[in-house]
Amino acid sequence: MTLKSPSVKQPAPRMQGMRDVLRGSLSRSLRALPEADRLASAWPVACGRVMAEHGEIVSFEQGNLRIAVSDGAWLGQMLSMRHQLQHELGRIAGVPITGIHFELKR
């Protein structure tokens, strides 16, 4: 008999499926917008509302995305999630992203 640790919670399969459906639906509805607008719309979906409030997409040029971050703590969090954010943003917005550069807001 195998016991699962009570401290590790997996998302409910139905909820994860619903998230995927919503992300796919958003991706399809964004196709008519310019790339920068698609990325800005996808940002809160890709990283969550709370994180999105601490980062702002500044520019997108030749596949490189620049994001201004509110403070050092959030900068560290976003840096640690760089690859995941790049993948999710690209997937949701339907935009190929070759790199993300985070910088502190001035």
PDB file of N, CA and C in Angstrom:
ATOM      1  N   MET A   1       0.845  -1.171   0.000  1.00  0.00           N
ATOM      2  CA  MET A   1       0.000   0.000   0.000  1.00  0.00           C
ATOM      3  C   MET A   1       0.891   1.235   0.000  1.00  0.00           C
ATOM      4  N   THR A   2       0.621   2.187  -0.870  1.00  0.00           N
ATOM      5  CA  THR A   2       1.407   3.406  -0.969  1.00  0.00           C
ATOM      6  C   THR A   2       0.607   4.559  -0.394  1.00  0.00           C
ATOM      7  N   LEU A   3       1.241   5.308   0.486  1.00  0.00           N
ATOM      8  CA  LEU A   3       0.592   6.473   1.073  1.00  0.00           C
ATOM      9  C   LEU A   3       1.166   7.739   0.453  1.00  0.00           C
ATOM     10  N   LYS A   4       0.308   8.687   0.182  1.00  0.00           N
ATOM     11  CA  LYS A   4       0.754   9.972  -0.328  1.00  0.00           C
ATOM     12  C   LYS A   4       0.917  10.934   0.830  1.00  0.00           C
ATOM     13  N   SER A   5       1.902  11.789   0.718  1.00  0.00           N
ATOM     14  CA  SER A   5       2.134  12.790   1.750  1.00  0.00           C
ATOM     15  C   SER A   5       0.971  13.766   1.782  1.00  0.00           C
ATOM     16  N   PRO A   6       0.411  14.058   2.963  1.00  0.00           N
ATOM     17  CA  PRO A   6      -0.729  14.971   3.035  1.00  0.00           C
ATOM     18  C   PRO A   6      -0.346  16.416   2.706  1.00  0.00           C
ATOM     19  N   SER A   7       0.939  16.758   2.760  1.00  0.00           N
ATOM     20  CA  SER A   7       1.353  18.135   2.511  1.00  0.00           C
ATOM     21  C   SER A   7       1.492  18.454   1.025  1.00  0.00           C
ATOM     22  N   VAL A   8       1.488  17.439   0.166  1.00  0.00           N
ATOM     23  CA  VAL A   8       1.638  17.656  -1.272  1.00  0.00           C
ATOM     24  C   VAL A   8       0.266  17.598  -1.916  1.00  0.00           C
ATOM     25  N   LYS A   9      -0.195  18.737  -2.404  1.00  0.00           N
ATOM     26  CA  LYS A   9      -1.502  18.777  -3.046  1.00  0.00           C
ATOM     27  C   LYS A   9      -1.319  18.892  -4.544  1.00  0.00           C
ATOM     28  N   GLN A  10      -1.972  18.027  -5.256  1.00  0.00           N
ATOM     29  CA  GLN A  10      -1.982  18.065  -6.712  1.00  0.00           C
ATOM     30  C   GLN A  10      -3.261  18.775  -7.136  1.00  0.00           C
ATOM     31  N   PRO A  11      -3.197  19.591  -8.223  1.00  0.00           N
ATOM     32  CA  PRO A  11      -4.425  20.220  -8.672  1.00  0.00           C
ATOM     33  C   PRO A  11      -5.438  19.161  -9.092  1.00  0.00           C
ATOM     34  N   ALA A  12      -6.684  19.438  -8.798  1.00  0.00           N
ATOM     35  CA  ALA A  12      -7.737  18.515  -9.202  1.00  0.00           C
ATOM     36  C   ALA A  12      -7.706  18.389 -10.716  1.00  0.00           C
ATOM     37  N   PRO A  13      -7.800  17.165 -11.246  1.00  0.00           N
ATOM     38  CA  PRO A  13      -7.709  16.979 -12.698  1.00  0.00           C
ATOM     39  C   PRO A  13      -8.712  17.823 -13.469  1.00  0.00           C
ATOM     40  N   ARG A  14      -9.927  17.961 -12.962  1.00  0.00           N
ATOM     41  CA  ARG A  14     -10.935  18.759 -13.666  1.00  0.00           C
ATOM     42  C   ARG A  14     -10.558  20.225 -13.679  1.00  0.00           C
ATOM     43  N   MET A  15     -10.013  20.736 -12.580  1.00  0.00           N
ATOM     44  CA  MET A  15      -9.613  22.156 -12.521  1.00  0.00           C
ATOM     45  C   MET A  15      -8.456  22.421 -13.476  1.00  0.00           C
ATOM     46  N   GLN A  16      -7.476  21.533 -13.524  1.00  0.00           N
ATOM     47  CA  GLN A  16      -6.347  21.701 -14.437  1.00  0.00           C
ATOM     48  C   GLN A  16      -6.838  21.679 -15.878  1.00  0.00           C
ATOM     49  N   GLY A  17      -7.774  20.781 -16.184  1.00  0.00           N
ATOM     50  CA  GLY A  17      -8.352  20.719 -17.519  1.00  0.00           C
ATOM     51  C   GLY A  17      -9.064  22.011 -17.882  1.00  0.00           C
ATOM     52  N   MET A  18      -9.780  22.591 -16.926  1.00  0.00           N
ATOM     53  CA  MET A  18     -10.487  23.847 -17.169  1.00  0.00           C
ATOM     54  C   MET A  18      -9.495  24.977 -17.429  1.00  0.00           C
ATOM     55  N   ARG A  19      -8.392  25.016 -16.673  1.00  0.00           N
ATOM     56  CA  ARG A  19      -7.365  26.038 -16.901  1.00  0.00           C
ATOM     57  C   ARG A  19      -6.816  25.936 -18.323  1.00  0.00           C
ATOM     58  N   ASP A  20      -6.553  24.712 -18.762  1.00  0.00           N
ATOM     59  CA  ASP A  20      -6.031  24.500 -20.116  1.00  0.00           C
ATOM     60  C   ASP A  20      -7.026  24.958 -21.171  1.00  0.00           C
ATOM     61  N   VAL A  21      -8.294  24.675 -20.960  1.00  0.00           N
ATOM     62  CA  VAL A  21      -9.328  25.105 -21.903  1.00  0.00           C
ATOM     63  C   VAL A  21      -9.378  26.633 -21.977  1.00  0.00           C
ATOM     64  N   LEU A  22      -9.356  27.282 -20.823  1.00  0.00           N
ATOM     65  CA  LEU A  22      -9.415  28.751 -20.793  1.00  0.00           C
ATOM     66  C   LEU A  22      -8.187  29.372 -21.444  1.00  0.00           C
ATOM     67  N   ARG A  23      -7.018  28.818 -21.192  1.00  0.00           N
ATOM     68  CA  ARG A  23      -5.800  29.345 -21.817  1.00  0.00           C
ATOM     69  C   ARG A  23      -5.852  29.172 -23.331  1.00  0.00           C
ATOM     70  N   GLY A  24      -6.336  28.039 -23.791  1.00  0.00           N
ATOM     71  CA  GLY A  24      -6.464  27.809 -25.229  1.00  0.00           C
ATOM     72  C   GLY A  24      -7.460  28.762 -25.863  1.00  0.00           C
ATOM     73  N   SER A  25      -8.550  29.008 -25.163  1.00  0.00           N
ATOM     74  CA  SER A  25      -9.571  29.936 -25.659  1.00  0.00           C
ATOM     75  C   SER A  25      -9.012  31.353 -25.749  1.00  0.00           C
ATOM     76  N   LEU A  26      -8.271  31.771 -24.737  1.00  0.00           N
ATOM     77  CA  LEU A  26      -7.645  33.099 -24.764  1.00  0.00           C
ATOM     78  C   LEU A  26      -6.662  33.190 -25.916  1.00  0.00           C
ATOM     79  N   SER A  27      -5.884  32.153 -26.108  1.00  0.00           N
ATOM     80  CA  SER A  27      -4.901  32.142 -27.188  1.00  0.00           C
ATOM     81  C   SER A  27      -5.573  32.351 -28.543  1.00  0.00           C
ATOM     82  N   ARG A  28      -6.669  31.669 -28.773  1.00  0.00           N
ATOM     83  CA  ARG A  28      -7.384  31.819 -30.051  1.00  0.00           C
ATOM     84  C   ARG A  28      -7.963  33.217 -30.206  1.00  0.00           C
ATOM     85  N   SER A  29      -8.468  33.800 -29.132  1.00  0.00           N
ATOM     86  CA  SER A  29      -9.090  35.127 -29.233  1.00  0.00           C
ATOM     87  C   SER A  29      -8.062  36.248 -29.398  1.00  0.00           C
ATOM     88  N   LEU A  30      -6.808  36.000 -29.056  1.00  0.00           N
ATOM     89  CA  LEU A  30      -5.774  37.038 -29.149  1.00  0.00           C
ATOM     90  C   LEU A  30      -5.119  37.115 -30.530  1.00  0.00           C
ATOM     91  N   ARG A  31      -5.353  36.152 -31.381  1.00  0.00           N
ATOM     92  CA  ARG A  31      -4.633  36.057 -32.659  1.00  0.00           C
ATOM     93  C   ARG A  31      -4.718  37.304 -33.520  1.00  0.00           C
ATOM     94  N   ALA A  32      -5.799  38.077 -33.451  1.00  0.00           N
ATOM     95  CA  ALA A  32      -5.967  39.253 -34.309  1.00  0.00           C
ATOM     96  C   ALA A  32      -5.177  40.470 -33.808  1.00  0.00           C
ATOM     97  N   LEU A  33      -4.678  40.423 -32.577  1.00  0.00           N
ATOM     98  CA  LEU A  33      -3.969  41.559 -31.994  1.00  0.00           C
ATOM     99  C   LEU A  33      -2.496  41.566 -32.384  1.00  0.00           C
ATOM    100  N   PRO A  34      -1.849  42.750 -32.329  1.00  0.00           N
ATOM    101  CA  PRO A  34      -0.388  42.806 -32.516  1.00  0.00           C
ATOM    102  C   PRO A  34       0.313  41.996 -31.422  1.00  0.00           C
ATOM    103  N   GLU A  35       1.524  41.527 -31.706  1.00  0.00           N
ATOM    104  CA  GLU A  35       2.246  40.662 -30.760  1.00  0.00           C
ATOM    105  C   GLU A  35       2.379  41.271 -29.370  1.00  0.00           C
ATOM    106  N   ALA A  36       2.741  42.554 -29.282  1.00  0.00           N
ATOM    107  CA  ALA A  36       2.935  43.195 -27.968  1.00  0.00           C
ATOM    108  C   ALA A  36       1.634  43.193 -27.171  1.00  0.00           C
ATOM    109  N   ASP A  37       0.509  43.440 -27.823  1.00  0.00           N
ATOM    110  CA  ASP A  37      -0.791  43.432 -27.142  1.00  0.00           C
ATOM    111  C   ASP A  37      -1.179  42.019 -26.710  1.00  0.00           C
ATOM    112  N   ARG A  38      -0.849  41.034 -27.540  1.00  0.00           N
ATOM    113  CA  ARG A  38      -1.125  39.644 -27.178  1.00  0.00           C
ATOM    114  C   ARG A  38      -0.338  39.253 -25.933  1.00  0.00           C
ATOM    115  N   LEU A  39       0.922  39.658 -25.877  1.00  0.00           N
ATOM    116  CA  LEU A  39       1.752  39.345 -24.707  1.00  0.00           C
ATOM    117  C   LEU A  39       1.232  40.042 -23.452  1.00  0.00           C
ATOM    118  N   ALA A  40       0.845  41.305 -23.592  1.00  0.00           N
ATOM    119  CA  ALA A  40       0.316  42.046 -22.438  1.00  0.00           C
ATOM    120  C   ALA A  40      -0.970  41.405 -21.920  1.00  0.00           C
ATOM    121  N   SER A  41      -1.808  40.928 -22.819  1.00  0.00           N
ATOM    122  CA  SER A  41      -3.051  40.266 -22.411  1.00  0.00           C
ATOM    123  C   SER A  41      -2.786  38.908 -21.773  1.00  0.00           C
ATOM    124  N   ALA A  42      -1.769  38.225 -22.246  1.00  0.00           N
ATOM    125  CA  ALA A  42      -1.443  36.895 -21.728  1.00  0.00           C
ATOM    126  C   ALA A  42      -0.690  36.945 -20.401  1.00  0.00           C
ATOM    127  N   TRP A  43      -0.040  38.056 -20.098  1.00  0.00           N
ATOM    128  CA  TRP A  43       0.807  38.174 -18.907  1.00  0.00           C
ATOM    129  C   TRP A  43       0.100  37.748 -17.622  1.00  0.00           C
ATOM    130  N   PRO A  44      -1.070  38.312 -17.260  1.00  0.00           N
ATOM    131  CA  PRO A  44      -1.689  37.895 -15.988  1.00  0.00           C
ATOM    132  C   PRO A  44      -2.162  36.442 -15.987  1.00  0.00           C
ATOM    133  N   VAL A  45      -2.454  35.894 -17.149  1.00  0.00           N
ATOM    134  CA  VAL A  45      -2.879  34.494 -17.231  1.00  0.00           C
ATOM    135  C   VAL A  45      -1.669  33.577 -17.043  1.00  0.00           C
ATOM    136  N   ALA A  46      -0.550  33.957 -17.635  1.00  0.00           N
ATOM    137  CA  ALA A  46       0.659  33.132 -17.574  1.00  0.00           C
ATOM    138  C   ALA A  46       1.266  33.079 -16.175  1.00  0.00           C
ATOM    139  N   CYS A  47       1.227  34.196 -15.463  1.00  0.00           N
ATOM    140  CA  CYS A  47       1.927  34.235 -14.169  1.00  0.00           C
ATOM    141  C   CYS A  47       0.999  34.395 -12.967  1.00  0.00           C
ATOM    142  N   GLY A  48      -0.256  34.684 -13.194  1.00  0.00           N
ATOM    143  CA  GLY A  48      -1.183  34.897 -12.084  1.00  0.00           C
ATOM    144  C   GLY A  48      -1.333  36.381 -11.782  1.00  0.00           C
ATOM    145  N   ARG A  49      -2.490  36.729 -11.259  1.00  0.00           N
ATOM    146  CA  ARG A  49      -2.833  38.134 -11.018  1.00  0.00           C
ATOM    147  C   ARG A  49      -1.852  38.834 -10.081  1.00  0.00           C
ATOM    148  N   VAL A  50      -1.478  38.189  -8.989  1.00  0.00           N
ATOM    149  CA  VAL A  50      -0.624  38.834  -7.996  1.00  0.00           C
ATOM    150  C   VAL A  50       0.749  39.151  -8.585  1.00  0.00           C
ATOM    151  N   MET A  51       1.366  38.168  -9.238  1.00  0.00           N
ATOM    152  CA  MET A  51       2.673  38.417  -9.835  1.00  0.00           C
ATOM    153  C   MET A  51       2.557  39.459 -10.948  1.00  0.00           C
ATOM    154  N   ALA A  52       1.498  39.390 -11.735  1.00  0.00           N
ATOM    155  CA  ALA A  52       1.314  40.328 -12.847  1.00  0.00           C
ATOM    156  C   ALA A  52       1.255  41.769 -12.363  1.00  0.00           C
ATOM    157  N   GLU A  53       0.733  41.983 -11.169  1.00  0.00           N
ATOM    158  CA  GLU A  53       0.657  43.332 -10.603  1.00  0.00           C
ATOM    159  C   GLU A  53       2.040  43.901 -10.293  1.00  0.00           C
ATOM    160  N   HIS A  54       3.049  43.054 -10.214  1.00  0.00           N
ATOM    161  CA  HIS A  54       4.404  43.491  -9.878  1.00  0.00           C
ATOM    162  C   HIS A  54       5.349  43.499 -11.072  1.00  0.00           C
ATOM    163  N   GLY A  55       4.832  43.184 -12.244  1.00  0.00           N
ATOM    164  CA  GLY A  55       5.640  43.208 -13.456  1.00  0.00           C
ATOM    165  C   GLY A  55       4.864  43.820 -14.595  1.00  0.00           C
ATOM    166  N   GLU A  56       5.541  44.593 -15.405  1.00  0.00           N
ATOM    167  CA  GLU A  56       4.894  45.264 -16.529  1.00  0.00           C
ATOM    168  C   GLU A  56       5.718  45.038 -17.793  1.00  0.00           C
ATOM    169  N   ILE A  57       5.064  44.578 -18.845  1.00  0.00           N
ATOM    170  CA  ILE A  57       5.758  44.385 -20.108  1.00  0.00           C
ATOM    171  C   ILE A  57       6.095  45.752 -20.688  1.00  0.00           C
ATOM    172  N   VAL A  58       7.385  45.963 -20.934  1.00  0.00           N
ATOM    173  CA  VAL A  58       7.876  47.254 -21.417  1.00  0.00           C
ATOM    174  C   VAL A  58       8.032  47.249 -22.929  1.00  0.00           C
ATOM    175  N   SER A  59       8.588  46.160 -23.466  1.00  0.00           N
ATOM    176  CA  SER A  59       8.786  46.100 -24.911  1.00  0.00           C
ATOM    177  C   SER A  59       8.937  44.659 -25.360  1.00  0.00           C
ATOM    178  N   PHE A  60       8.743  44.474 -26.669  1.00  0.00           N
ATOM    179  CA  PHE A  60       8.962  43.184 -27.300  1.00  0.00           C
ATOM    180  C   PHE A  60       9.556  43.460 -28.670  1.00  0.00           C
ATOM    181  N   GLU A  61      10.828  43.091 -28.847  1.00  0.00           N
ATOM    182  CA  GLU A  61      11.526  43.334 -30.107  1.00  0.00           C
ATOM    183  C   GLU A  61      12.335  42.105 -30.489  1.00  0.00           C
ATOM    184  N   GLN A  62      12.138  41.651 -31.700  1.00  0.00           N
ATOM    185  CA  GLN A  62      12.886  40.534 -32.270  1.00  0.00           C
ATOM    186  C   GLN A  62      12.930  39.321 -31.335  1.00  0.00           C
ATOM    187  N   GLY A  63      11.784  39.003 -30.734  1.00  0.00           N
ATOM    188  CA  GLY A  63      11.684  37.833 -29.876  1.00  0.00           C
ATOM    189  C   GLY A  63      12.109  38.045 -28.438  1.00  0.00           C
ATOM    190  N   ASN A  64      12.640  39.223 -28.115  1.00  0.00           N
ATOM    191  CA  ASN A  64      13.103  39.507 -26.753  1.00  0.00           C
ATOM    192  C   ASN A  64      12.084  40.375 -26.016  1.00  0.00           C
ATOM    193  N   LEU A  65      11.679  39.890 -24.856  1.00  0.00           N
ATOM    194  CA  LEU A  65      10.670  40.551 -24.039  1.00  0.00           C
ATOM    195  C   LEU A  65      11.346  41.225 -22.854  1.00  0.00           C
ATOM    196  N   ARG A  66      11.023  42.501 -22.622  1.00  0.00           N
ATOM    197  CA  ARG A  66      11.528  43.237 -21.451  1.00  0.00           C
ATOM    198  C   ARG A  66      10.377  43.473 -20.496  1.00  0.00           C
ATOM    199  N   ILE A  67      10.607  43.137 -19.215  1.00  0.00           N
ATOM    200  CA  ILE A  67       9.592  43.302 -18.185  1.00  0.00           C
ATOM    201  C   ILE A  67      10.188  44.108 -17.038  1.00  0.00           C
ATOM    202  N   ALA A  68       9.514  45.212 -16.674  1.00  0.00           N
ATOM    203  CA  ALA A  68       9.916  46.034 -15.533  1.00  0.00           C
ATOM    204  C   ALA A  68       9.237  45.468 -14.285  1.00  0.00           C
ATOM    205  N   VAL A  69      10.025  45.273 -13.238  1.00  0.00           N
ATOM    206  CA  VAL A  69       9.553  44.621 -12.015  1.00  0.00           C
ATOM    207  C   VAL A  69       9.586  45.619 -10.859  1.00  0.00           C
ATOM    208  N   SER A  70       8.587  45.558  -9.984  1.00  0.00           N
ATOM    209  CA  SER A  70       8.393  46.552  -8.928  1.00  0.00           C
ATOM    210  C   SER A  70       9.493  46.587  -7.873  1.00  0.00           C
ATOM    211  N   ASP A  71      10.060  45.441  -7.492  1.00  0.00           N
ATOM    212  CA  ASP A  71      11.099  45.444  -6.448  1.00  0.00           C
ATOM    213  C   ASP A  71      11.967  44.191  -6.546  1.00  0.00           C
ATOM    214  N   GLY A  72      12.999  44.165  -5.737  1.00  0.00           N
ATOM    215  CA  GLY A  72      13.981  43.090  -5.782  1.00  0.00           C
ATOM    216  C   GLY A  72      13.423  41.719  -5.435  1.00  0.00           C
ATOM    217  N   ALA A  73      12.488  41.658  -4.499  1.00  0.00           N
ATOM    218  CA  ALA A  73      11.913  40.365  -4.124  1.00  0.00           C
ATOM    219  C   ALA A  73      11.152  39.752  -5.297  1.00  0.00           C
ATOM    220  N   TRP A  74      10.358  40.556  -5.972  1.00  0.00           N
ATOM    221  CA  TRP A  74       9.618  40.060  -7.132  1.00  0.00           C
ATOM    222  C   TRP A  74      10.553  39.777  -8.298  1.00  0.00           C
ATOM    223  N   LEU A  75      11.608  40.559  -8.414  1.00  0.00           N
ATOM    224  CA  LEU A  75      12.594  40.300  -9.464  1.00  0.00           C
ATOM    225  C   LEU A  75      13.180  38.898  -9.290  1.00  0.00           C
ATOM    226  N   GLY A  76      13.563  38.565  -8.062  1.00  0.00           N
ATOM    227  CA  GLY A  76      14.106  37.233  -7.784  1.00  0.00           C
ATOM    228  C   GLY A  76      13.113  36.130  -8.096  1.00  0.00           C
ATOM    229  N   GLN A  77      11.853  36.349  -7.748  1.00  0.00           N
ATOM    230  CA  GLN A  77      10.809  35.353  -8.024  1.00  0.00           C
ATOM    231  C   GLN A  77      10.639  35.152  -9.521  1.00  0.00           C
ATOM    232  N   MET A  78      10.588  36.251 -10.269  1.00  0.00           N
ATOM    233  CA  MET A  78      10.398  36.144 -11.724  1.00  0.00           C
ATOM    234  C   MET A  78      11.609  35.526 -12.401  1.00  0.00           C
ATOM    235  N   LEU A  79      12.798  35.867 -11.927  1.00  0.00           N
ATOM    236  CA  LEU A  79      14.001  35.257 -12.491  1.00  0.00           C
ATOM    237  C   LEU A  79      14.001  33.748 -12.289  1.00  0.00           C
ATOM    238  N   SER A  80      13.538  33.312 -11.124  1.00  0.00           N
ATOM    239  CA  SER A  80      13.517  31.875 -10.852  1.00  0.00           C
ATOM    240  C   SER A  80      12.484  31.143 -11.709  1.00  0.00           C
ATOM    241  N   MET A  81      11.526  31.888 -12.257  1.00  0.00           N
ATOM    242  CA  MET A  81      10.472  31.298 -13.081  1.00  0.00           C
ATOM    243  C   MET A  81      10.623  31.675 -14.556  1.00  0.00           C
ATOM    244  N   ARG A  82      11.767  32.201 -14.930  1.00  0.00           N
ATOM    245  CA  ARG A  82      11.972  32.725 -16.284  1.00  0.00           C
ATOM    246  C   ARG A  82      11.550  31.744 -17.375  1.00  0.00           C
ATOM    247  N   HIS A  83      12.028  30.524 -17.317  1.00  0.00           N
ATOM    248  CA  HIS A  83      11.745  29.561 -18.389  1.00  0.00           C
ATOM    249  C   HIS A  83      10.262  29.191 -18.432  1.00  0.00           C
ATOM    250  N   GLN A  84       9.674  29.021 -17.266  1.00  0.00           N
ATOM    251  CA  GLN A  84       8.246  28.709 -17.206  1.00  0.00           C
ATOM    252  C   GLN A  84       7.419  29.873 -17.756  1.00  0.00           C
ATOM    253  N   LEU A  85       7.756  31.102 -17.364  1.00  0.00           N
ATOM    254  CA  LEU A  85       7.029  32.276 -17.861  1.00  0.00           C
ATOM    255  C   LEU A  85       7.192  32.433 -19.368  1.00  0.00           C
ATOM    256  N   GLN A  86       8.395  32.216 -19.855  1.00  0.00           N
ATOM    257  CA  GLN A  86       8.653  32.328 -21.293  1.00  0.00           C
ATOM    258  C   GLN A  86       7.800  31.313 -22.058  1.00  0.00           C
ATOM    259  N   HIS A  87       7.779  30.098 -21.574  1.00  0.00           N
ATOM    260  CA  HIS A  87       6.999  29.049 -22.234  1.00  0.00           C
ATOM    261  C   HIS A  87       5.502  29.372 -22.211  1.00  0.00           C
ATOM    262  N   GLU A  88       4.972  29.714 -21.033  1.00  0.00           N
ATOM    263  CA  GLU A  88       3.540  29.980 -20.891  1.00  0.00           C
ATOM    264  C   GLU A  88       3.115  31.207 -21.700  1.00  0.00           C
ATOM    265  N   LEU A  89       3.898  32.275 -21.628  1.00  0.00           N
ATOM    266  CA  LEU A  89       3.560  33.484 -22.395  1.00  0.00           C
ATOM    267  C   LEU A  89       3.539  33.197 -23.888  1.00  0.00           C
ATOM    268  N   GLY A  90       4.543  32.511 -24.360  1.00  0.00           N
ATOM    269  CA  GLY A  90       4.612  32.176 -25.776  1.00  0.00           C
ATOM    270  C   GLY A  90       3.468  31.297 -26.215  1.00  0.00           C
ATOM    271  N   ARG A  91       3.123  30.338 -25.378  1.00  0.00           N
ATOM    272  CA  ARG A  91       2.038  29.404 -25.701  1.00  0.00           C
ATOM    273  C   ARG A  91       0.686  30.117 -25.713  1.00  0.00           C
ATOM    274  N   ILE A  92       0.419  30.912 -24.696  1.00  0.00           N
ATOM    275  CA  ILE A  92      -0.879  31.586 -24.593  1.00  0.00           C
ATOM    276  C   ILE A  92      -1.025  32.677 -25.650  1.00  0.00           C
ATOM    277  N   ALA A  93       0.019  33.486 -25.820  1.00  0.00           N
ATOM    278  CA  ALA A  93      -0.048  34.599 -26.771  1.00  0.00           C
ATOM    279  C   ALA A  93       0.172  34.147 -28.212  1.00  0.00           C
ATOM    280  N   GLY A  94       0.726  32.956 -28.395  1.00  0.00           N
ATOM    281  CA  GLY A  94       1.025  32.490 -29.743  1.00  0.00           C
ATOM    282  C   GLY A  94       2.150  33.281 -30.380  1.00  0.00           C
ATOM    283  N   VAL A  95       3.106  33.689 -29.546  1.00  0.00           N
ATOM    284  CA  VAL A  95       4.228  34.522 -29.992  1.00  0.00           C
ATOM    285  C   VAL A  95       5.528  33.803 -29.626  1.00  0.00           C
ATOM    286  N   PRO A  96       6.450  33.644 -30.590  1.00  0.00           N
ATOM    287  CA  PRO A  96       7.734  33.024 -30.244  1.00  0.00           C
ATOM    288  C   PRO A  96       8.607  34.001 -29.444  1.00  0.00           C
ATOM    289  N   ILE A  97       8.978  33.596 -28.242  1.00  0.00           N
ATOM    290  CA  ILE A  97       9.810  34.428 -27.367  1.00  0.00           C
ATOM    291  C   ILE A  97      11.168  33.746 -27.257  1.00  0.00           C
ATOM    292  N   THR A  98      12.229  34.466 -27.629  1.00  0.00           N
ATOM    293  CA  THR A  98      13.570  33.885 -27.551  1.00  0.00           C
ATOM    294  C   THR A  98      14.259  34.206 -26.233  1.00  0.00           C
ATOM    295  N   GLY A  99      13.779  35.233 -25.516  1.00  0.00           N
ATOM    296  CA  GLY A  99      14.373  35.573 -24.230  1.00  0.00           C
ATOM    297  C   GLY A  99      13.527  36.570 -23.468  1.00  0.00           C
ATOM    298  N   ILE A 100      13.679  36.550 -22.145  1.00  0.00           N
ATOM    299  CA  ILE A 100      13.012  37.520 -21.276  1.00  0.00           C
ATOM    300  C   ILE A 100      14.083  38.220 -20.458  1.00  0.00           C
ATOM    301  N   HIS A 101      14.020  39.549 -20.448  1.00  0.00           N
ATOM    302  CA  HIS A 101      14.932  40.354 -19.639  1.00  0.00           C
ATOM    303  C   HIS A 101      14.097  41.079 -18.589  1.00  0.00           C
ATOM    304  N   PHE A 102      14.414  40.823 -17.315  1.00  0.00           N
ATOM    305  CA  PHE A 102      13.727  41.496 -16.214  1.00  0.00           C
ATOM    306  C   PHE A 102      14.604  42.641 -15.708  1.00  0.00           C
ATOM    307  N   GLU A 103      13.988  43.761 -15.384  1.00  0.00           N
ATOM    308  CA  GLU A 103      14.720  44.902 -14.839  1.00  0.00           C
ATOM    309  C   GLU A 103      13.862  45.580 -13.779  1.00  0.00           C
ATOM    310  N   LEU A 104      14.523  46.199 -12.800  1.00  0.00           N
ATOM    311  CA  LEU A 104      13.789  46.925 -11.774  1.00  0.00           C
ATOM    312  C   LEU A 104      13.199  48.202 -12.351  1.00  0.00           C
ATOM    313  N   LYS A 105      11.964  48.515 -11.967  1.00  0.00           N
ATOM    314  CA  LYS A 105      11.337  49.770 -12.400  1.00  0.00           C
ATOM    315  C   LYS A 105      12.154  50.917 -11.839  1.00  0.00           C
ATOM    316  N   ARG A 106      12.202  51.970 -12.617  1.00  0.00           N
ATOM    317  CA  ARG A 106      12.939  53.163 -12.162  1.00  0.00           C
ATOM    318  C   ARG A 106      12.003  54.166 -11.584  1.00  0.00           C
TER     319      ARG A 106
END
